[in-house]
Amino acid sequence: SKAPQKVRVEMDKLFHDQALKLSQVMKRKAVFTKGYSTGATKKSIRTINYKDKVTVGPRTDYAPYLEHGTRHMEAQPFVRPALKEVEPDFKRELKKLLEKSLKQ
């Protein structure tokens, strides 16, 4: 049956589309108002597809300090808020796809 392969293709597309959306939202939220900002972290946000894995996130070494803060710097989260914004739509689309695949 071609159904499992079709579902796999649709699943890959869903993950790719949602990763792209997450990347865009993360870039929109990567606005750092406290301290000096070069824009490097925002520009470093990438979506990387490798085999069965999609990774989205900033590539600067200091991005975790921006996200979580330090004892000298207040946190300026942008990764978690982006995830929170994108998650409901991703879950809804994934559920739809899984329900559709069960009917095939």
PDB file of N, CA and C in Angstrom:
ATOM      1  N   SER A   1       0.840  -1.199   0.000  1.00  0.00           N
ATOM      2  CA  SER A   1       0.000   0.000   0.000  1.00  0.00           C
ATOM      3  C   SER A   1       0.879   1.253   0.000  1.00  0.00           C
ATOM      4  N   LYS A   2       0.408   2.252  -0.696  1.00  0.00           N
ATOM      5  CA  LYS A   2       1.137   3.524  -0.794  1.00  0.00           C
ATOM      6  C   LYS A   2       0.806   4.455   0.374  1.00  0.00           C
ATOM      7  N   ALA A   3      -0.208   4.131   1.158  1.00  0.00           N
ATOM      8  CA  ALA A   3      -0.662   5.016   2.236  1.00  0.00           C
ATOM      9  C   ALA A   3       0.453   5.381   3.216  1.00  0.00           C
ATOM     10  N   PRO A   4       1.220   4.408   3.750  1.00  0.00           N
ATOM     11  CA  PRO A   4       2.270   4.787   4.697  1.00  0.00           C
ATOM     12  C   PRO A   4       3.293   5.751   4.093  1.00  0.00           C
ATOM     13  N   GLN A   5       3.666   5.531   2.837  1.00  0.00           N
ATOM     14  CA  GLN A   5       4.629   6.427   2.180  1.00  0.00           C
ATOM     15  C   GLN A   5       4.032   7.820   2.017  1.00  0.00           C
ATOM     16  N   LYS A   6       2.761   7.877   1.637  1.00  0.00           N
ATOM     17  CA  LYS A   6       2.082   9.171   1.462  1.00  0.00           C
ATOM     18  C   LYS A   6       2.028   9.928   2.796  1.00  0.00           C
ATOM     19  N   VAL A   7       1.713   9.200   3.857  1.00  0.00           N
ATOM     20  CA  VAL A   7       1.659   9.816   5.189  1.00  0.00           C
ATOM     21  C   VAL A   7       3.049  10.330   5.571  1.00  0.00           C
ATOM     22  N   ARG A   8       4.066   9.552   5.262  1.00  0.00           N
ATOM     23  CA  ARG A   8       5.442   9.952   5.573  1.00  0.00           C
ATOM     24  C   ARG A   8       5.808  11.256   4.864  1.00  0.00           C
ATOM     25  N   VAL A   9       5.437  11.358   3.593  1.00  0.00           N
ATOM     26  CA  VAL A   9       5.706  12.569   2.811  1.00  0.00           C
ATOM     27  C   VAL A   9       4.957  13.759   3.411  1.00  0.00           C
ATOM     28  N   GLU A  10       3.692  13.533   3.759  1.00  0.00           N
ATOM     29  CA  GLU A  10       2.888  14.611   4.365  1.00  0.00           C
ATOM     30  C   GLU A  10       3.452  15.012   5.724  1.00  0.00           C
ATOM     31  N   MET A  11       3.914  14.043   6.496  1.00  0.00           N
ATOM     32  CA  MET A  11       4.495  14.315   7.809  1.00  0.00           C
ATOM     33  C   MET A  11       5.780  15.134   7.653  1.00  0.00           C
ATOM     34  N   ASP A  12       6.636  14.741   6.717  1.00  0.00           N
ATOM     35  CA  ASP A  12       7.870  15.491   6.461  1.00  0.00           C
ATOM     36  C   ASP A  12       7.560  16.933   6.072  1.00  0.00           C
ATOM     37  N   LYS A  13       6.555  17.110   5.222  1.00  0.00           N
ATOM     38  CA  LYS A  13       6.158  18.459   4.804  1.00  0.00           C
ATOM     39  C   LYS A  13       5.649  19.268   5.988  1.00  0.00           C
ATOM     40  N   LEU A  14       4.831  18.638   6.828  1.00  0.00           N
ATOM     41  CA  LEU A  14       4.297  19.323   8.011  1.00  0.00           C
ATOM     42  C   LEU A  14       5.443  19.791   8.914  1.00  0.00           C
ATOM     43  N   PHE A  15       6.397  18.901   9.197  1.00  0.00           N
ATOM     44  CA  PHE A  15       7.519  19.267  10.059  1.00  0.00           C
ATOM     45  C   PHE A  15       8.358  20.381   9.432  1.00  0.00           C
ATOM     46  N   HIS A  16       8.586  20.278   8.136  1.00  0.00           N
ATOM     47  CA  HIS A  16       9.356  21.309   7.439  1.00  0.00           C
ATOM     48  C   HIS A  16       8.631  22.659   7.504  1.00  0.00           C
ATOM     49  N   ASP A  17       7.342  22.673   7.194  1.00  0.00           N
ATOM     50  CA  ASP A  17       6.559  23.916   7.211  1.00  0.00           C
ATOM     51  C   ASP A  17       6.508  24.528   8.604  1.00  0.00           C
ATOM     52  N   GLN A  18       6.292  23.684   9.607  1.00  0.00           N
ATOM     53  CA  GLN A  18       6.203  24.191  10.982  1.00  0.00           C
ATOM     54  C   GLN A  18       7.565  24.693  11.474  1.00  0.00           C
ATOM     55  N   ALA A  19       8.643  24.043  11.060  1.00  0.00           N
ATOM     56  CA  ALA A  19       9.986  24.493  11.437  1.00  0.00           C
ATOM     57  C   ALA A  19      10.269  25.870  10.837  1.00  0.00           C
ATOM     58  N   LEU A  20       9.852  26.054   9.592  1.00  0.00           N
ATOM     59  CA  LEU A  20      10.022  27.348   8.933  1.00  0.00           C
ATOM     60  C   LEU A  20       9.228  28.427   9.658  1.00  0.00           C
ATOM     61  N   LYS A  21       8.003  28.078  10.017  1.00  0.00           N
ATOM     62  CA  LYS A  21       7.148  29.013  10.758  1.00  0.00           C
ATOM     63  C   LYS A  21       7.774  29.358  12.108  1.00  0.00           C
ATOM     64  N   LEU A  22       8.289  28.348  12.816  1.00  0.00           N
ATOM     65  CA  LEU A  22       8.946  28.579  14.102  1.00  0.00           C
ATOM     66  C   LEU A  22      10.142  29.505  13.923  1.00  0.00           C
ATOM     67  N   SER A  23      10.919  29.285  12.890  1.00  0.00           N
ATOM     68  CA  SER A  23      12.081  30.120  12.603  1.00  0.00           C
ATOM     69  C   SER A  23      11.663  31.579  12.388  1.00  0.00           C
ATOM     70  N   GLN A  24      10.597  31.794  11.632  1.00  0.00           N
ATOM     71  CA  GLN A  24      10.115  33.155  11.366  1.00  0.00           C
ATOM     72  C   GLN A  24       9.626  33.834  12.643  1.00  0.00           C
ATOM     73  N   VAL A  25       8.881  33.096  13.463  1.00  0.00           N
ATOM     74  CA  VAL A  25       8.370  33.663  14.717  1.00  0.00           C
ATOM     75  C   VAL A  25       9.528  33.964  15.661  1.00  0.00           C
ATOM     76  N   MET A  26      10.510  33.055  15.712  1.00  0.00           N
ATOM     77  CA  MET A  26      11.673  33.257  16.571  1.00  0.00           C
ATOM     78  C   MET A  26      12.430  34.528  16.159  1.00  0.00           C
ATOM     79  N   LYS A  27      12.586  34.723  14.854  1.00  0.00           N
ATOM     80  CA  LYS A  27      13.268  35.936  14.368  1.00  0.00           C
ATOM     81  C   LYS A  27      12.484  37.187  14.734  1.00  0.00           C
ATOM     82  N   ARG A  28      11.172  37.105  14.634  1.00  0.00           N
ATOM     83  CA  ARG A  28      10.327  38.251  14.991  1.00  0.00           C
ATOM     84  C   ARG A  28      10.462  38.584  16.472  1.00  0.00           C
ATOM     85  N   LYS A  29      10.621  37.560  17.295  1.00  0.00           N
ATOM     86  CA  LYS A  29      10.706  37.761  18.748  1.00  0.00           C
ATOM     87  C   LYS A  29      12.131  38.051  19.232  1.00  0.00           C
ATOM     88  N   ALA A  30      13.121  37.888  18.372  1.00  0.00           N
ATOM     89  CA  ALA A  30      14.523  38.106  18.756  1.00  0.00           C
ATOM     90  C   ALA A  30      14.868  39.591  18.679  1.00  0.00           C
ATOM     91  N   VAL A  31      14.207  40.355  19.514  1.00  0.00           N
ATOM     92  CA  VAL A  31      14.460  41.796  19.604  1.00  0.00           C
ATOM     93  C   VAL A  31      14.992  42.045  21.015  1.00  0.00           C
ATOM     94  N   PHE A  32      16.240  42.420  21.101  1.00  0.00           N
ATOM     95  CA  PHE A  32      16.887  42.571  22.394  1.00  0.00           C
ATOM     96  C   PHE A  32      17.084  44.045  22.703  1.00  0.00           C
ATOM     97  N   THR A  33      16.384  44.512  23.717  1.00  0.00           N
ATOM     98  CA  THR A  33      16.380  45.936  24.032  1.00  0.00           C
ATOM     99  C   THR A  33      17.297  46.285  25.201  1.00  0.00           C
ATOM    100  N   LYS A  34      17.730  45.283  25.920  1.00  0.00           N
ATOM    101  CA  LYS A  34      18.587  45.547  27.086  1.00  0.00           C
ATOM    102  C   LYS A  34      20.040  45.310  26.707  1.00  0.00           C
ATOM    103  N   GLY A  35      20.834  46.348  26.729  1.00  0.00           N
ATOM    104  CA  GLY A  35      22.252  46.213  26.378  1.00  0.00           C
ATOM    105  C   GLY A  35      22.477  46.454  24.897  1.00  0.00           C
ATOM    106  N   TYR A  36      23.660  46.146  24.474  1.00  0.00           N
ATOM    107  CA  TYR A  36      24.110  46.369  23.103  1.00  0.00           C
ATOM    108  C   TYR A  36      23.636  45.220  22.213  1.00  0.00           C
ATOM    109  N   SER A  37      23.036  45.550  21.086  1.00  0.00           N
ATOM    110  CA  SER A  37      22.538  44.512  20.182  1.00  0.00           C
ATOM    111  C   SER A  37      23.099  44.700  18.779  1.00  0.00           C
ATOM    112  N   THR A  38      23.686  43.637  18.240  1.00  0.00           N
ATOM    113  CA  THR A  38      24.255  43.697  16.886  1.00  0.00           C
ATOM    114  C   THR A  38      23.319  43.085  15.849  1.00  0.00           C
ATOM    115  N   GLY A  39      22.329  42.318  16.316  1.00  0.00           N
ATOM    116  CA  GLY A  39      21.438  41.608  15.393  1.00  0.00           C
ATOM    117  C   GLY A  39      21.990  40.258  14.975  1.00  0.00           C
ATOM    118  N   ALA A  40      23.168  39.890  15.512  1.00  0.00           N
ATOM    119  CA  ALA A  40      23.819  38.633  15.105  1.00  0.00           C
ATOM    120  C   ALA A  40      22.984  37.404  15.481  1.00  0.00           C
ATOM    121  N   THR A  41      22.390  37.415  16.667  1.00  0.00           N
ATOM    122  CA  THR A  41      21.601  36.248  17.098  1.00  0.00           C
ATOM    123  C   THR A  41      20.376  36.084  16.211  1.00  0.00           C
ATOM    124  N   LYS A  42      19.707  37.178  15.926  1.00  0.00           N
ATOM    125  CA  LYS A  42      18.519  37.126  15.051  1.00  0.00           C
ATOM    126  C   LYS A  42      18.905  36.576  13.672  1.00  0.00           C
ATOM    127  N   LYS A  43      20.014  37.069  13.130  1.00  0.00           N
ATOM    128  CA  LYS A  43      20.476  36.610  11.809  1.00  0.00           C
ATOM    129  C   LYS A  43      20.947  35.159  11.830  1.00  0.00           C
ATOM    130  N   SER A  44      21.340  34.665  13.005  1.00  0.00           N
ATOM    131  CA  SER A  44      21.890  33.306  13.104  1.00  0.00           C
ATOM    132  C   SER A  44      20.813  32.224  13.220  1.00  0.00           C
ATOM    133  N   ILE A  45      19.561  32.614  13.372  1.00  0.00           N
ATOM    134  CA  ILE A  45      18.484  31.623  13.526  1.00  0.00           C
ATOM    135  C   ILE A  45      18.323  30.855  12.219  1.00  0.00           C
ATOM    136  N   ARG A  46      18.433  29.542  12.309  1.00  0.00           N
ATOM    137  CA  ARG A  46      18.395  28.676  11.131  1.00  0.00           C
ATOM    138  C   ARG A  46      17.455  27.495  11.333  1.00  0.00           C
ATOM    139  N   THR A  47      16.981  26.980  10.213  1.00  0.00           N
ATOM    140  CA  THR A  47      16.243  25.723  10.187  1.00  0.00           C
ATOM    141  C   THR A  47      17.140  24.734   9.456  1.00  0.00           C
ATOM    142  N   ILE A  48      17.501  23.661  10.134  1.00  0.00           N
ATOM    143  CA  ILE A  48      18.383  22.662   9.538  1.00  0.00           C
ATOM    144  C   ILE A  48      17.649  21.330   9.465  1.00  0.00           C
ATOM    145  N   ASN A  49      17.568  20.786   8.258  1.00  0.00           N
ATOM    146  CA  ASN A  49      16.977  19.466   8.042  1.00  0.00           C
ATOM    147  C   ASN A  49      18.116  18.479   7.849  1.00  0.00           C
ATOM    148  N   TYR A  50      18.105  17.425   8.668  1.00  0.00           N
ATOM    149  CA  TYR A  50      19.126  16.392   8.528  1.00  0.00           C
ATOM    150  C   TYR A  50      18.486  15.037   8.778  1.00  0.00           C
ATOM    151  N   LYS A  51      18.444  14.233   7.741  1.00  0.00           N
ATOM    152  CA  LYS A  51      17.808  12.912   7.805  1.00  0.00           C
ATOM    153  C   LYS A  51      16.384  13.073   8.324  1.00  0.00           C
ATOM    154  N   ASP A  52      16.070  12.458   9.472  1.00  0.00           N
ATOM    155  CA  ASP A  52      14.706  12.518  10.010  1.00  0.00           C
ATOM    156  C   ASP A  52      14.552  13.584  11.081  1.00  0.00           C
ATOM    157  N   LYS A  53      15.426  14.564  11.092  1.00  0.00           N
ATOM    158  CA  LYS A  53      15.431  15.542  12.169  1.00  0.00           C
ATOM    159  C   LYS A  53      15.395  16.957  11.606  1.00  0.00           C
ATOM    160  N   VAL A  54      14.629  17.817  12.273  1.00  0.00           N
ATOM    161  CA  VAL A  54      14.603  19.236  11.921  1.00  0.00           C
ATOM    162  C   VAL A  54      15.008  20.001  13.172  1.00  0.00           C
ATOM    163  N   THR A  55      15.993  20.871  13.040  1.00  0.00           N
ATOM    164  CA  THR A  55      16.457  21.676  14.169  1.00  0.00           C
ATOM    165  C   THR A  55      16.252  23.141  13.825  1.00  0.00           C
ATOM    166  N   VAL A  56      15.697  23.891  14.777  1.00  0.00           N
ATOM    167  CA  VAL A  56      15.478  25.323  14.590  1.00  0.00           C
ATOM    168  C   VAL A  56      16.098  26.041  15.781  1.00  0.00           C
ATOM    169  N   GLY A  57      16.856  27.090  15.506  1.00  0.00           N
ATOM    170  CA  GLY A  57      17.384  27.858  16.621  1.00  0.00           C
ATOM    171  C   GLY A  57      18.518  28.768  16.239  1.00  0.00           C
ATOM    172  N   PRO A  58      18.940  29.586  17.205  1.00  0.00           N
ATOM    173  CA  PRO A  58      20.045  30.511  16.974  1.00  0.00           C
ATOM    174  C   PRO A  58      21.376  29.777  17.031  1.00  0.00           C
ATOM    175  N   ARG A  59      22.364  30.322  16.348  1.00  0.00           N
ATOM    176  CA  ARG A  59      23.677  29.689  16.287  1.00  0.00           C
ATOM    177  C   ARG A  59      24.765  30.502  16.998  1.00  0.00           C
ATOM    178  N   THR A  60      24.421  31.598  17.637  1.00  0.00           N
ATOM    179  CA  THR A  60      25.448  32.341  18.378  1.00  0.00           C
ATOM    180  C   THR A  60      25.711  31.638  19.701  1.00  0.00           C
ATOM    181  N   ASP A  61      26.964  31.665  20.141  1.00  0.00           N
ATOM    182  CA  ASP A  61      27.352  31.004  21.397  1.00  0.00           C
ATOM    183  C   ASP A  61      26.630  31.584  22.604  1.00  0.00           C
ATOM    184  N   TYR A  62      26.272  32.858  22.544  1.00  0.00           N
ATOM    185  CA  TYR A  62      25.696  33.534  23.708  1.00  0.00           C
ATOM    186  C   TYR A  62      24.160  33.565  23.704  1.00  0.00           C
ATOM    187  N   ALA A  63      23.535  32.935  22.728  1.00  0.00           N
ATOM    188  CA  ALA A  63      22.063  32.916  22.668  1.00  0.00           C
ATOM    189  C   ALA A  63      21.424  32.383  23.957  1.00  0.00           C
ATOM    190  N   PRO A  64      21.985  31.325  24.584  1.00  0.00           N
ATOM    191  CA  PRO A  64      21.371  30.853  25.834  1.00  0.00           C
ATOM    192  C   PRO A  64      21.365  31.924  26.935  1.00  0.00           C
ATOM    193  N   TYR A  65      22.373  32.793  26.936  1.00  0.00           N
ATOM    194  CA  TYR A  65      22.417  33.858  27.946  1.00  0.00           C
ATOM    195  C   TYR A  65      21.307  34.875  27.701  1.00  0.00           C
ATOM    196  N   LEU A  66      21.029  35.141  26.420  1.00  0.00           N
ATOM    197  CA  LEU A  66      19.921  36.045  26.091  1.00  0.00           C
ATOM    198  C   LEU A  66      18.600  35.415  26.515  1.00  0.00           C
ATOM    199  N   GLU A  67      18.436  34.145  26.220  1.00  0.00           N
ATOM    200  CA  GLU A  67      17.191  33.429  26.521  1.00  0.00           C
ATOM    201  C   GLU A  67      16.944  33.308  28.024  1.00  0.00           C
ATOM    202  N   HIS A  68      17.979  32.935  28.762  1.00  0.00           N
ATOM    203  CA  HIS A  68      17.806  32.627  30.188  1.00  0.00           C
ATOM    204  C   HIS A  68      18.318  33.707  31.137  1.00  0.00           C
ATOM    205  N   GLY A  69      19.145  34.618  30.641  1.00  0.00           N
ATOM    206  CA  GLY A  69      19.729  35.644  31.496  1.00  0.00           C
ATOM    207  C   GLY A  69      20.927  35.110  32.264  1.00  0.00           C
ATOM    208  N   THR A  70      21.581  36.021  32.959  1.00  0.00           N
ATOM    209  CA  THR A  70      22.713  35.666  33.825  1.00  0.00           C
ATOM    210  C   THR A  70      22.552  36.481  35.097  1.00  0.00           C
ATOM    211  N   ARG A  71      23.470  36.353  36.003  1.00  0.00           N
ATOM    212  CA  ARG A  71      23.357  37.168  37.224  1.00  0.00           C
ATOM    213  C   ARG A  71      23.592  38.649  36.921  1.00  0.00           C
ATOM    214  N   HIS A  72      24.205  38.934  35.763  1.00  0.00           N
ATOM    215  CA  HIS A  72      24.469  40.325  35.369  1.00  0.00           C
ATOM    216  C   HIS A  72      23.481  40.856  34.335  1.00  0.00           C
ATOM    217  N   MET A  73      22.660  39.958  33.795  1.00  0.00           N
ATOM    218  CA  MET A  73      21.805  40.359  32.676  1.00  0.00           C
ATOM    219  C   MET A  73      20.433  39.698  32.795  1.00  0.00           C
ATOM    220  N   GLU A  74      19.414  40.502  32.640  1.00  0.00           N
ATOM    221  CA  GLU A  74      18.044  39.994  32.681  1.00  0.00           C
ATOM    222  C   GLU A  74      17.767  39.134  31.440  1.00  0.00           C
ATOM    223  N   ALA A  75      16.976  38.095  31.620  1.00  0.00           N
ATOM    224  CA  ALA A  75      16.600  37.230  30.492  1.00  0.00           C
ATOM    225  C   ALA A  75      15.757  38.012  29.482  1.00  0.00           C
ATOM    226  N   GLN A  76      15.973  37.712  28.210  1.00  0.00           N
ATOM    227  CA  GLN A  76      15.172  38.289  27.131  1.00  0.00           C
ATOM    228  C   GLN A  76      14.727  37.130  26.230  1.00  0.00           C
ATOM    229  N   PRO A  77      13.802  36.307  26.743  1.00  0.00           N
ATOM    230  CA  PRO A  77      13.414  35.088  26.028  1.00  0.00           C
ATOM    231  C   PRO A  77      12.843  35.360  24.637  1.00  0.00           C
ATOM    232  N   PHE A  78      13.215  34.503  23.705  1.00  0.00           N
ATOM    233  CA  PHE A  78      12.675  34.572  22.348  1.00  0.00           C
ATOM    234  C   PHE A  78      12.419  33.180  21.773  1.00  0.00           C
ATOM    235  N   VAL A  79      13.124  32.161  22.293  1.00  0.00           N
ATOM    236  CA  VAL A  79      12.936  30.788  21.811  1.00  0.00           C
ATOM    237  C   VAL A  79      11.658  30.197  22.406  1.00  0.00           C
ATOM    238  N   ARG A  80      11.548  30.215  23.725  1.00  0.00           N
ATOM    239  CA  ARG A  80      10.365  29.640  24.375  1.00  0.00           C
ATOM    240  C   ARG A  80       9.079  30.358  23.984  1.00  0.00           C
ATOM    241  N   PRO A  81       9.069  31.692  23.928  1.00  0.00           N
ATOM    242  CA  PRO A  81       7.832  32.360  23.485  1.00  0.00           C
ATOM    243  C   PRO A  81       7.444  32.004  22.043  1.00  0.00           C
ATOM    244  N   ALA A  82       8.436  31.806  21.188  1.00  0.00           N
ATOM    245  CA  ALA A  82       8.149  31.406  19.800  1.00  0.00           C
ATOM    246  C   ALA A  82       7.547  30.004  19.772  1.00  0.00           C
ATOM    247  N   LEU A  83       8.126  29.098  20.544  1.00  0.00           N
ATOM    248  CA  LEU A  83       7.591  27.733  20.632  1.00  0.00           C
ATOM    249  C   LEU A  83       6.142  27.748  21.128  1.00  0.00           C
ATOM    250  N   LYS A  84       5.905  28.543  22.150  1.00  0.00           N
ATOM    251  CA  LYS A  84       4.565  28.631  22.737  1.00  0.00           C
ATOM    252  C   LYS A  84       3.545  29.146  21.719  1.00  0.00           C
ATOM    253  N   GLU A  85       3.970  30.061  20.870  1.00  0.00           N
ATOM    254  CA  GLU A  85       3.079  30.625  19.855  1.00  0.00           C
ATOM    255  C   GLU A  85       2.777  29.620  18.736  1.00  0.00           C
ATOM    256  N   VAL A  86       3.771  28.869  18.333  1.00  0.00           N
ATOM    257  CA  VAL A  86       3.642  27.954  17.185  1.00  0.00           C
ATOM    258  C   VAL A  86       3.032  26.601  17.583  1.00  0.00           C
ATOM    259  N   GLU A  87       3.245  26.198  18.813  1.00  0.00           N
ATOM    260  CA  GLU A  87       2.848  24.860  19.271  1.00  0.00           C
ATOM    261  C   GLU A  87       1.375  24.489  19.038  1.00  0.00           C
ATOM    262  N   PRO A  88       0.412  25.344  19.374  1.00  0.00           N
ATOM    263  CA  PRO A  88      -0.997  24.934  19.178  1.00  0.00           C
ATOM    264  C   PRO A  88      -1.333  24.588  17.723  1.00  0.00           C
ATOM    265  N   ASP A  89      -0.848  25.380  16.794  1.00  0.00           N
ATOM    266  CA  ASP A  89      -1.110  25.117  15.376  1.00  0.00           C
ATOM    267  C   ASP A  89      -0.429  23.821  14.941  1.00  0.00           C
ATOM    268  N   PHE A  90       0.797  23.613  15.397  1.00  0.00           N
ATOM    269  CA  PHE A  90       1.528  22.389  15.056  1.00  0.00           C
ATOM    270  C   PHE A  90       0.772  21.160  15.570  1.00  0.00           C
ATOM    271  N   LYS A  91       0.344  21.204  16.823  1.00  0.00           N
ATOM    272  CA  LYS A  91      -0.384  20.066  17.407  1.00  0.00           C
ATOM    273  C   LYS A  91      -1.683  19.802  16.651  1.00  0.00           C
ATOM    274  N   ARG A  92      -2.383  20.863  16.310  1.00  0.00           N
ATOM    275  CA  ARG A  92      -3.650  20.731  15.580  1.00  0.00           C
ATOM    276  C   ARG A  92      -3.418  20.080  14.210  1.00  0.00           C
ATOM    277  N   GLU A  93      -2.409  20.552  13.481  1.00  0.00           N
ATOM    278  CA  GLU A  93      -2.105  20.012  12.150  1.00  0.00           C
ATOM    279  C   GLU A  93      -1.614  18.567  12.236  1.00  0.00           C
ATOM    280  N   LEU A  94      -0.813  18.267  13.243  1.00  0.00           N
ATOM    281  CA  LEU A  94      -0.311  16.905  13.419  1.00  0.00           C
ATOM    282  C   LEU A  94      -1.464  15.948  13.740  1.00  0.00           C
ATOM    283  N   LYS A  95      -2.346  16.373  14.615  1.00  0.00           N
ATOM    284  CA  LYS A  95      -3.513  15.555  14.970  1.00  0.00           C
ATOM    285  C   LYS A  95      -4.372  15.278  13.736  1.00  0.00           C
ATOM    286  N   LYS A  96      -4.588  16.327  12.935  1.00  0.00           N
ATOM    287  CA  LYS A  96      -5.378  16.182  11.699  1.00  0.00           C
ATOM    288  C   LYS A  96      -4.741  15.154  10.768  1.00  0.00           C
ATOM    289  N   LEU A  97      -3.439  15.258  10.615  1.00  0.00           N
ATOM    290  CA  LEU A  97      -2.706  14.348   9.733  1.00  0.00           C
ATOM    291  C   LEU A  97      -2.774  12.905  10.245  1.00  0.00           C
ATOM    292  N   LEU A  98      -2.600  12.737  11.554  1.00  0.00           N
ATOM    293  CA  LEU A  98      -2.648  11.391  12.129  1.00  0.00           C
ATOM    294  C   LEU A  98      -4.042  10.782  12.003  1.00  0.00           C
ATOM    295  N   GLU A  99      -5.068  11.581  12.258  1.00  0.00           N
ATOM    296  CA  GLU A  99      -6.445  11.083  12.113  1.00  0.00           C
ATOM    297  C   GLU A  99      -6.718  10.680  10.671  1.00  0.00           C
ATOM    298  N   LYS A 100      -6.250  11.489   9.745  1.00  0.00           N
ATOM    299  CA  LYS A 100      -6.430  11.196   8.310  1.00  0.00           C
ATOM    300  C   LYS A 100      -5.721   9.894   7.943  1.00  0.00           C
ATOM    301  N   SER A 101      -4.511   9.698   8.482  1.00  0.00           N
ATOM    302  CA  SER A 101      -3.740   8.493   8.154  1.00  0.00           C
ATOM    303  C   SER A 101      -4.398   7.237   8.718  1.00  0.00           C
ATOM    304  N   LEU A 102      -5.075   7.355   9.852  1.00  0.00           N
ATOM    305  CA  LEU A 102      -5.758   6.199  10.447  1.00  0.00           C
ATOM    306  C   LEU A 102      -6.970   5.775   9.619  1.00  0.00           C
ATOM    307  N   LYS A 103      -7.541   6.713   8.900  1.00  0.00           N
ATOM    308  CA  LYS A 103      -8.722   6.422   8.062  1.00  0.00           C
ATOM    309  C   LYS A 103      -8.341   5.739   6.760  1.00  0.00           C
ATOM    310  N   GLN A 104      -7.076   5.840   6.372  1.00  0.00           N
ATOM    311  CA  GLN A 104      -6.634   5.275   5.081  1.00  0.00           C
ATOM    312  C   GLN A 104      -6.486   3.772   5.137  1.00  0.00           C
TER     313      GLN A 104
END
